[in-house]
Amino acid sequence: MIDPGVDPASASITAWDLDGDADVRVGTATGEEALALDAPFRVTVVPAALVDPRRRR
């Protein structure tokens, strides 16, 4: 789930995984924080980098 926020500093991302019948939050990051995940594949995401550059002011 990605929330672009008003500016890159407030952009955030939350990653979830399914554990049996329950969704479990496996990580969150905001702004320039990096979120590193290993499953289902290795990836690192920085929420501020996902915001459309035209919204950066």
C-alpha atoms as a PDB file:
ATOM      1  CA  MET A   1       0.000   0.000   0.000  1.00  0.00           C
ATOM      2  CA  ILE A   2       1.460   3.371  -0.983  1.00  0.00           C
ATOM      3  CA  ASP A   3       0.314   6.765   0.293  1.00  0.00           C
ATOM      4  CA  PRO A   4       1.903   9.476  -1.877  1.00  0.00           C
ATOM      5  CA  GLY A   5       1.153  12.213   0.664  1.00  0.00           C
ATOM      6  CA  VAL A   6       1.387  15.886  -0.213  1.00  0.00           C
ATOM      7  CA  ASP A   7       5.159  15.937  -0.702  1.00  0.00           C
ATOM      8  CA  PRO A   8       7.952  13.348  -0.891  1.00  0.00           C
ATOM      9  CA  ALA A   9       8.805  13.766   2.809  1.00  0.00           C
ATOM     10  CA  SER A  10       5.358  12.489   3.814  1.00  0.00           C
ATOM     11  CA  ALA A  11       5.093   9.692   1.225  1.00  0.00           C
ATOM     12  CA  SER A  12       4.847   6.305   2.912  1.00  0.00           C
ATOM     13  CA  ILE A  13       4.693   2.625   2.056  1.00  0.00           C
ATOM     14  CA  THR A  14       3.458  -0.352   4.063  1.00  0.00           C
ATOM     15  CA  ALA A  15       4.179  -3.954   3.069  1.00  0.00           C
ATOM     16  CA  TRP A  16       1.925  -6.823   4.110  1.00  0.00           C
ATOM     17  CA  ASP A  17       2.260 -10.607   3.975  1.00  0.00           C
ATOM     18  CA  LEU A  18      -0.359 -13.301   4.342  1.00  0.00           C
ATOM     19  CA  ASP A  19       0.196 -15.560   7.371  1.00  0.00           C
ATOM     20  CA  GLY A  20      -2.494 -18.235   7.309  1.00  0.00           C
ATOM     21  CA  ASP A  21      -5.764 -16.287   7.290  1.00  0.00           C
ATOM     22  CA  ALA A  22      -4.267 -13.051   8.635  1.00  0.00           C
ATOM     23  CA  ASP A  23      -2.556 -10.141   6.931  1.00  0.00           C
ATOM     24  CA  VAL A  24       0.636  -9.264   8.810  1.00  0.00           C
ATOM     25  CA  ARG A  25       2.474  -5.959   8.397  1.00  0.00           C
ATOM     26  CA  VAL A  26       6.087  -6.767   7.521  1.00  0.00           C
ATOM     27  CA  GLY A  27       7.436  -3.246   7.167  1.00  0.00           C
ATOM     28  CA  THR A  28       6.816   0.461   6.733  1.00  0.00           C
ATOM     29  CA  ALA A  29       8.872   3.434   5.585  1.00  0.00           C
ATOM     30  CA  THR A  30       8.253   7.174   5.215  1.00  0.00           C
ATOM     31  CA  GLY A  31       9.966   9.825   3.107  1.00  0.00           C
ATOM     32  CA  GLU A  32      13.628   8.997   2.472  1.00  0.00           C
ATOM     33  CA  GLU A  33      13.593   5.871   4.699  1.00  0.00           C
ATOM     34  CA  ALA A  34      14.342   2.661   2.824  1.00  0.00           C
ATOM     35  CA  LEU A  35      12.117  -0.382   3.183  1.00  0.00           C
ATOM     36  CA  ALA A  36      14.043  -3.587   2.408  1.00  0.00           C
ATOM     37  CA  LEU A  37      12.115  -6.809   1.833  1.00  0.00           C
ATOM     38  CA  ASP A  38      13.293 -10.329   1.000  1.00  0.00           C
ATOM     39  CA  ALA A  39      10.061 -12.072  -0.014  1.00  0.00           C
ATOM     40  CA  PRO A  40       8.709 -12.887  -2.493  1.00  0.00           C
ATOM     41  CA  PHE A  41      11.914 -11.343  -3.911  1.00  0.00           C
ATOM     42  CA  ARG A  42      14.594  -8.974  -2.636  1.00  0.00           C
ATOM     43  CA  VAL A  43      13.684  -5.307  -3.143  1.00  0.00           C
ATOM     44  CA  THR A  44      14.399  -1.958  -1.487  1.00  0.00           C
ATOM     45  CA  VAL A  45      11.897   0.879  -1.842  1.00  0.00           C
ATOM     46  CA  VAL A  46      12.239   4.555  -0.865  1.00  0.00           C
ATOM     47  CA  PRO A  47       8.756   6.132  -0.751  1.00  0.00           C
ATOM     48  CA  ALA A  48       9.943   9.636  -1.700  1.00  0.00           C
ATOM     49  CA  ALA A  49      11.399   8.199  -4.921  1.00  0.00           C
ATOM     50  CA  LEU A  50       7.938   6.931  -5.925  1.00  0.00           C
ATOM     51  CA  VAL A  51       6.286  10.363  -5.882  1.00  0.00           C
ATOM     52  CA  ASP A  52       5.740  11.930  -9.293  1.00  0.00           C
ATOM     53  CA  PRO A  53       8.486  14.556  -9.771  1.00  0.00           C
ATOM     54  CA  ARG A  54       5.847  17.057 -10.911  1.00  0.00           C
ATOM     55  CA  ARG A  55       4.389  16.909  -7.362  1.00  0.00           C
ATOM     56  CA  ARG A  56       7.762  17.757  -5.779  1.00  0.00           C
ATOM     57  CA  ARG A  57       7.842  21.453  -4.938  1.00  0.00           C
END
